[in-house]
Amino acid sequence: RQSIVTLAFLAVAFAAPQGDKKPIEIISSNSEMNADGSYSFDFESADGTKVSESGNQKQVGPKPED
């Protein structure tokens, strides 16, 4: 019984909000989607996070009938 109470207490403690987090401003953001299925995007946020990705979409499985 005591272990159930302890586990319940821990579950509540871990589920509690973890502080007051403020939104981080996005400094720059770009995205591009091309007709051939290629794409690219990037962004930079005020906290120094930088993300960049590019690629191509591919058809998986048979092509749908027109």
PDB file of N, CA and C in Angstrom:
ATOM      1  N   ARG A   1       0.827  -1.194   0.000  1.00  0.00           N
ATOM      2  CA  ARG A   1       0.000   0.000   0.000  1.00  0.00           C
ATOM      3  C   ARG A   1       0.867   1.251   0.000  1.00  0.00           C
ATOM      4  N   GLN A   2       1.943   1.222   0.765  1.00  0.00           N
ATOM      5  CA  GLN A   2       2.814   2.393   0.837  1.00  0.00           C
ATOM      6  C   GLN A   2       3.496   2.653  -0.513  1.00  0.00           C
ATOM      7  N   SER A   3       3.842   1.585  -1.224  1.00  0.00           N
ATOM      8  CA  SER A   3       4.492   1.774  -2.524  1.00  0.00           C
ATOM      9  C   SER A   3       3.524   2.381  -3.540  1.00  0.00           C
ATOM     10  N   ILE A   4       2.242   2.058  -3.435  1.00  0.00           N
ATOM     11  CA  ILE A   4       1.243   2.642  -4.339  1.00  0.00           C
ATOM     12  C   ILE A   4       1.130   4.137  -4.086  1.00  0.00           C
ATOM     13  N   VAL A   5       1.103   4.519  -2.821  1.00  0.00           N
ATOM     14  CA  VAL A   5       1.019   5.939  -2.469  1.00  0.00           C
ATOM     15  C   VAL A   5       2.275   6.669  -2.951  1.00  0.00           C
ATOM     16  N   THR A   6       3.427   6.052  -2.767  1.00  0.00           N
ATOM     17  CA  THR A   6       4.684   6.660  -3.209  1.00  0.00           C
ATOM     18  C   THR A   6       4.704   6.824  -4.726  1.00  0.00           C
ATOM     19  N   LEU A   7       4.288   5.796  -5.450  1.00  0.00           N
ATOM     20  CA  LEU A   7       4.250   5.878  -6.909  1.00  0.00           C
ATOM     21  C   LEU A   7       3.257   6.938  -7.387  1.00  0.00           C
ATOM     22  N   ALA A   8       2.117   7.032  -6.723  1.00  0.00           N
ATOM     23  CA  ALA A   8       1.130   8.049  -7.081  1.00  0.00           C
ATOM     24  C   ALA A   8       1.702   9.448  -6.851  1.00  0.00           C
ATOM     25  N   PHE A   9       2.394   9.633  -5.740  1.00  0.00           N
ATOM     26  CA  PHE A   9       3.014  10.923  -5.441  1.00  0.00           C
ATOM     27  C   PHE A   9       4.062  11.277  -6.501  1.00  0.00           C
ATOM     28  N   LEU A  10       4.892  10.319  -6.877  1.00  0.00           N
ATOM     29  CA  LEU A  10       5.910  10.565  -7.894  1.00  0.00           C
ATOM     30  C   LEU A  10       5.284  10.896  -9.248  1.00  0.00           C
ATOM     31  N   ALA A  11       4.207  10.210  -9.587  1.00  0.00           N
ATOM     32  CA  ALA A  11       3.527  10.480 -10.858  1.00  0.00           C
ATOM     33  C   ALA A  11       2.993  11.902 -10.894  1.00  0.00           C
ATOM     34  N   VAL A  12       2.413  12.350  -9.795  1.00  0.00           N
ATOM     35  CA  VAL A  12       1.894  13.721  -9.720  1.00  0.00           C
ATOM     36  C   VAL A  12       3.043  14.718  -9.799  1.00  0.00           C
ATOM     37  N   ALA A  13       4.139  14.432  -9.100  1.00  0.00           N
ATOM     38  CA  ALA A  13       5.287  15.343  -9.097  1.00  0.00           C
ATOM     39  C   ALA A  13       5.881  15.487 -10.499  1.00  0.00           C
ATOM     40  N   PHE A  14       6.013  14.393 -11.232  1.00  0.00           N
ATOM     41  CA  PHE A  14       6.585  14.460 -12.572  1.00  0.00           C
ATOM     42  C   PHE A  14       5.623  15.075 -13.583  1.00  0.00           C
ATOM     43  N   ALA A  15       4.332  15.005 -13.327  1.00  0.00           N
ATOM     44  CA  ALA A  15       3.343  15.566 -14.240  1.00  0.00           C
ATOM     45  C   ALA A  15       3.160  17.064 -14.037  1.00  0.00           C
ATOM     46  N   ALA A  16       3.671  17.610 -12.960  1.00  0.00           N
ATOM     47  CA  ALA A  16       3.515  19.035 -12.662  1.00  0.00           C
ATOM     48  C   ALA A  16       4.267  19.876 -13.693  1.00  0.00           C
ATOM     49  N   PRO A  17       3.779  21.088 -13.956  1.00  0.00           N
ATOM     50  CA  PRO A  17       4.495  21.985 -14.873  1.00  0.00           C
ATOM     51  C   PRO A  17       5.940  22.193 -14.418  1.00  0.00           C
ATOM     52  N   GLN A  18       6.849  22.263 -15.375  1.00  0.00           N
ATOM     53  CA  GLN A  18       8.278  22.346 -15.066  1.00  0.00           C
ATOM     54  C   GLN A  18       8.805  23.774 -15.135  1.00  0.00           C
ATOM     55  N   GLY A  19       8.123  24.707 -14.555  1.00  0.00           N
ATOM     56  CA  GLY A  19       8.603  26.088 -14.536  1.00  0.00           C
ATOM     57  C   GLY A  19       7.872  26.945 -15.543  1.00  0.00           C
ATOM     58  N   ASP A  20       8.196  28.214 -15.500  1.00  0.00           N
ATOM     59  CA  ASP A  20       7.545  29.195 -16.359  1.00  0.00           C
ATOM     60  C   ASP A  20       8.403  29.418 -17.594  1.00  0.00           C
ATOM     61  N   LYS A  21       8.076  28.748 -18.683  1.00  0.00           N
ATOM     62  CA  LYS A  21       8.858  28.875 -19.908  1.00  0.00           C
ATOM     63  C   LYS A  21       8.228  29.927 -20.806  1.00  0.00           C
ATOM     64  N   LYS A  22       9.040  30.873 -21.234  1.00  0.00           N
ATOM     65  CA  LYS A  22       8.562  31.919 -22.131  1.00  0.00           C
ATOM     66  C   LYS A  22       8.766  31.469 -23.572  1.00  0.00           C
ATOM     67  N   PRO A  23       7.891  31.893 -24.482  1.00  0.00           N
ATOM     68  CA  PRO A  23       8.070  31.559 -25.897  1.00  0.00           C
ATOM     69  C   PRO A  23       9.381  32.153 -26.418  1.00  0.00           C
ATOM     70  N   ILE A  24      10.033  31.446 -27.313  1.00  0.00           N
ATOM     71  CA  ILE A  24      11.288  31.907 -27.898  1.00  0.00           C
ATOM     72  C   ILE A  24      10.992  32.483 -29.274  1.00  0.00           C
ATOM     73  N   GLU A  25      11.480  33.690 -29.510  1.00  0.00           N
ATOM     74  CA  GLU A  25      11.227  34.385 -30.763  1.00  0.00           C
ATOM     75  C   GLU A  25      11.937  33.696 -31.930  1.00  0.00           C
ATOM     76  N   ILE A  26      11.239  33.596 -33.058  1.00  0.00           N
ATOM     77  CA  ILE A  26      11.831  33.103 -34.296  1.00  0.00           C
ATOM     78  C   ILE A  26      12.424  34.313 -35.018  1.00  0.00           C
ATOM     79  N   ILE A  27      13.742  34.282 -35.245  1.00  0.00           N
ATOM     80  CA  ILE A  27      14.437  35.401 -35.881  1.00  0.00           C
ATOM     81  C   ILE A  27      14.270  35.352 -37.393  1.00  0.00           C
ATOM     82  N   SER A  28      14.403  34.161 -37.973  1.00  0.00           N
ATOM     83  CA  SER A  28      14.227  34.025 -39.418  1.00  0.00           C
ATOM     84  C   SER A  28      13.606  32.670 -39.725  1.00  0.00           C
ATOM     85  N   SER A  29      12.845  32.637 -40.819  1.00  0.00           N
ATOM     86  CA  SER A  29      12.182  31.403 -41.232  1.00  0.00           C
ATOM     87  C   SER A  29      11.968  31.448 -42.739  1.00  0.00           C
ATOM     88  N   ASN A  30      12.386  30.397 -43.428  1.00  0.00           N
ATOM     89  CA  ASN A  30      12.211  30.295 -44.875  1.00  0.00           C
ATOM     90  C   ASN A  30      11.756  28.884 -45.220  1.00  0.00           C
ATOM     91  N   SER A  31      10.882  28.786 -46.216  1.00  0.00           N
ATOM     92  CA  SER A  31      10.493  27.462 -46.698  1.00  0.00           C
ATOM     93  C   SER A  31      10.189  27.540 -48.186  1.00  0.00           C
ATOM     94  N   GLU A  32      10.469  26.446 -48.873  1.00  0.00           N
ATOM     95  CA  GLU A  32      10.253  26.381 -50.311  1.00  0.00           C
ATOM     96  C   GLU A  32       9.801  24.973 -50.680  1.00  0.00           C
ATOM     97  N   MET A  33       8.721  24.884 -51.449  1.00  0.00           N
ATOM     98  CA  MET A  33       8.207  23.613 -51.950  1.00  0.00           C
ATOM     99  C   MET A  33       8.114  23.735 -53.460  1.00  0.00           C
ATOM    100  N   ASN A  34       8.786  22.842 -54.174  1.00  0.00           N
ATOM    101  CA  ASN A  34       8.837  22.918 -55.632  1.00  0.00           C
ATOM    102  C   ASN A  34       7.918  21.881 -56.275  1.00  0.00           C
ATOM    103  N   ALA A  35       7.542  22.133 -57.520  1.00  0.00           N
ATOM    104  CA  ALA A  35       6.627  21.249 -58.248  1.00  0.00           C
ATOM    105  C   ALA A  35       7.196  19.845 -58.433  1.00  0.00           C
ATOM    106  N   ASP A  36       8.527  19.716 -58.459  1.00  0.00           N
ATOM    107  CA  ASP A  36       9.135  18.398 -58.649  1.00  0.00           C
ATOM    108  C   ASP A  36       9.197  17.574 -57.359  1.00  0.00           C
ATOM    109  N   GLY A  37       8.654  18.113 -56.267  1.00  0.00           N
ATOM    110  CA  GLY A  37       8.635  17.385 -55.002  1.00  0.00           C
ATOM    111  C   GLY A  37       9.793  17.722 -54.085  1.00  0.00           C
ATOM    112  N   SER A  38      10.742  18.526 -54.551  1.00  0.00           N
ATOM    113  CA  SER A  38      11.846  18.913 -53.678  1.00  0.00           C
ATOM    114  C   SER A  38      11.381  20.031 -52.744  1.00  0.00           C
ATOM    115  N   TYR A  39      12.008  20.096 -51.592  1.00  0.00           N
ATOM    116  CA  TYR A  39      11.640  21.112 -50.615  1.00  0.00           C
ATOM    117  C   TYR A  39      12.868  21.510 -49.808  1.00  0.00           C
ATOM    118  N   SER A  40      12.773  22.651 -49.161  1.00  0.00           N
ATOM    119  CA  SER A  40      13.794  23.075 -48.208  1.00  0.00           C
ATOM    120  C   SER A  40      13.143  24.023 -47.212  1.00  0.00           C
ATOM    121  N   PHE A  41      13.658  24.005 -46.003  1.00  0.00           N
ATOM    122  CA  PHE A  41      13.229  24.984 -45.018  1.00  0.00           C
ATOM    123  C   PHE A  41      14.351  25.196 -44.018  1.00  0.00           C
ATOM    124  N   ASP A  42      14.323  26.357 -43.388  1.00  0.00           N
ATOM    125  CA  ASP A  42      15.265  26.638 -42.315  1.00  0.00           C
ATOM    126  C   ASP A  42      14.663  27.687 -41.393  1.00  0.00           C
ATOM    127  N   PHE A  43      15.124  27.675 -40.156  1.00  0.00           N
ATOM    128  CA  PHE A  43      14.747  28.730 -39.232  1.00  0.00           C
ATOM    129  C   PHE A  43      15.835  28.913 -38.193  1.00  0.00           C
ATOM    130  N   GLU A  44      15.832  30.094 -37.580  1.00  0.00           N
ATOM    131  CA  GLU A  44      16.742  30.404 -36.489  1.00  0.00           C
ATOM    132  C   GLU A  44      15.937  31.087 -35.401  1.00  0.00           C
ATOM    133  N   SER A  45      16.145  30.668 -34.162  1.00  0.00           N
ATOM    134  CA  SER A  45      15.427  31.269 -33.043  1.00  0.00           C
ATOM    135  C   SER A  45      16.380  32.087 -32.178  1.00  0.00           C
ATOM    136  N   ALA A  46      15.811  32.925 -31.325  1.00  0.00           N
ATOM    137  CA  ALA A  46      16.584  33.846 -30.494  1.00  0.00           C
ATOM    138  C   ALA A  46      17.510  33.133 -29.515  1.00  0.00           C
ATOM    139  N   ASP A  47      17.234  31.880 -29.192  1.00  0.00           N
ATOM    140  CA  ASP A  47      18.106  31.151 -28.259  1.00  0.00           C
ATOM    141  C   ASP A  47      19.297  30.494 -28.961  1.00  0.00           C
ATOM    142  N   GLY A  48      19.457  30.751 -30.267  1.00  0.00           N
ATOM    143  CA  GLY A  48      20.594  30.215 -31.009  1.00  0.00           C
ATOM    144  C   GLY A  48      20.314  28.926 -31.754  1.00  0.00           C
ATOM    145  N   THR A  49      19.118  28.382 -31.620  1.00  0.00           N
ATOM    146  CA  THR A  49      18.769  27.160 -32.336  1.00  0.00           C
ATOM    147  C   THR A  49      18.675  27.452 -33.829  1.00  0.00           C
ATOM    148  N   LYS A  50      19.344  26.618 -34.632  1.00  0.00           N
ATOM    149  CA  LYS A  50      19.277  26.735 -36.086  1.00  0.00           C
ATOM    150  C   LYS A  50      18.906  25.372 -36.655  1.00  0.00           C
ATOM    151  N   VAL A  51      17.915  25.354 -37.536  1.00  0.00           N
ATOM    152  CA  VAL A  51      17.477  24.116 -38.174  1.00  0.00           C
ATOM    153  C   VAL A  51      17.405  24.360 -39.673  1.00  0.00           C
ATOM    154  N   SER A  52      17.907  23.399 -40.433  1.00  0.00           N
ATOM    155  CA  SER A  52      17.866  23.483 -41.884  1.00  0.00           C
ATOM    156  C   SER A  52      17.631  22.077 -42.429  1.00  0.00           C
ATOM    157  N   GLU A  53      16.752  21.974 -43.420  1.00  0.00           N
ATOM    158  CA  GLU A  53      16.464  20.670 -44.011  1.00  0.00           C
ATOM    159  C   GLU A  53      16.115  20.851 -45.473  1.00  0.00           C
ATOM    160  N   SER A  54      16.498  19.875 -46.273  1.00  0.00           N
ATOM    161  CA  SER A  54      16.082  19.841 -47.671  1.00  0.00           C
ATOM    162  C   SER A  54      15.941  18.385 -48.083  1.00  0.00           C
ATOM    163  N   GLY A  55      15.119  18.156 -49.084  1.00  0.00           N
ATOM    164  CA  GLY A  55      14.915  16.785 -49.521  1.00  0.00           C
ATOM    165  C   GLY A  55      13.966  16.706 -50.691  1.00  0.00           C
ATOM    166  N   ASN A  56      13.571  15.487 -51.004  1.00  0.00           N
ATOM    167  CA  ASN A  56      12.641  15.213 -52.094  1.00  0.00           C
ATOM    168  C   ASN A  56      11.566  14.262 -51.604  1.00  0.00           C
ATOM    169  N   GLN A  57      10.322  14.555 -51.961  1.00  0.00           N
ATOM    170  CA  GLN A  57       9.243  13.629 -51.655  1.00  0.00           C
ATOM    171  C   GLN A  57       9.270  12.525 -52.695  1.00  0.00           C
ATOM    172  N   LYS A  58       9.005  11.306 -52.256  1.00  0.00           N
ATOM    173  CA  LYS A  58       8.994  10.164 -53.164  1.00  0.00           C
ATOM    174  C   LYS A  58       7.648   9.463 -53.096  1.00  0.00           C
ATOM    175  N   GLN A  59       7.219   8.944 -54.222  1.00  0.00           N
ATOM    176  CA  GLN A  59       5.990   8.155 -54.278  1.00  0.00           C
ATOM    177  C   GLN A  59       6.275   6.788 -53.680  1.00  0.00           C
ATOM    178  N   VAL A  60       5.496   6.400 -52.694  1.00  0.00           N
ATOM    179  CA  VAL A  60       5.638   5.082 -52.081  1.00  0.00           C
ATOM    180  C   VAL A  60       4.474   4.230 -52.560  1.00  0.00           C
ATOM    181  N   GLY A  61       4.787   3.089 -53.117  1.00  0.00           N
ATOM    182  CA  GLY A  61       3.738   2.220 -53.627  1.00  0.00           C
ATOM    183  C   GLY A  61       3.355   2.605 -55.045  1.00  0.00           C
ATOM    184  N   PRO A  62       2.287   2.007 -55.546  1.00  0.00           N
ATOM    185  CA  PRO A  62       1.876   2.285 -56.927  1.00  0.00           C
ATOM    186  C   PRO A  62       1.349   3.710 -57.067  1.00  0.00           C
ATOM    187  N   LYS A  63       1.536   4.271 -58.270  1.00  0.00           N
ATOM    188  CA  LYS A  63       1.023   5.611 -58.537  1.00  0.00           C
ATOM    189  C   LYS A  63      -0.501   5.560 -58.569  1.00  0.00           C
ATOM    190  N   PRO A  64      -1.138   6.578 -57.991  1.00  0.00           N
ATOM    191  CA  PRO A  64      -2.607   6.598 -58.055  1.00  0.00           C
ATOM    192  C   PRO A  64      -3.072   6.816 -59.495  1.00  0.00           C
ATOM    193  N   GLU A  65      -4.194   6.215 -59.830  1.00  0.00           N
ATOM    194  CA  GLU A  65      -4.730   6.370 -61.183  1.00  0.00           C
ATOM    195  C   GLU A  65      -5.335   7.752 -61.328  1.00  0.00           C
ATOM    196  N   ASP A  66      -5.126   8.354 -62.497  1.00  0.00           N
ATOM    197  CA  ASP A  66      -5.661   9.705 -62.758  1.00  0.00           C
ATOM    198  C   ASP A  66      -7.120   9.660 -63.100  1.00  0.00           C
TER     199      ASP A  66
END
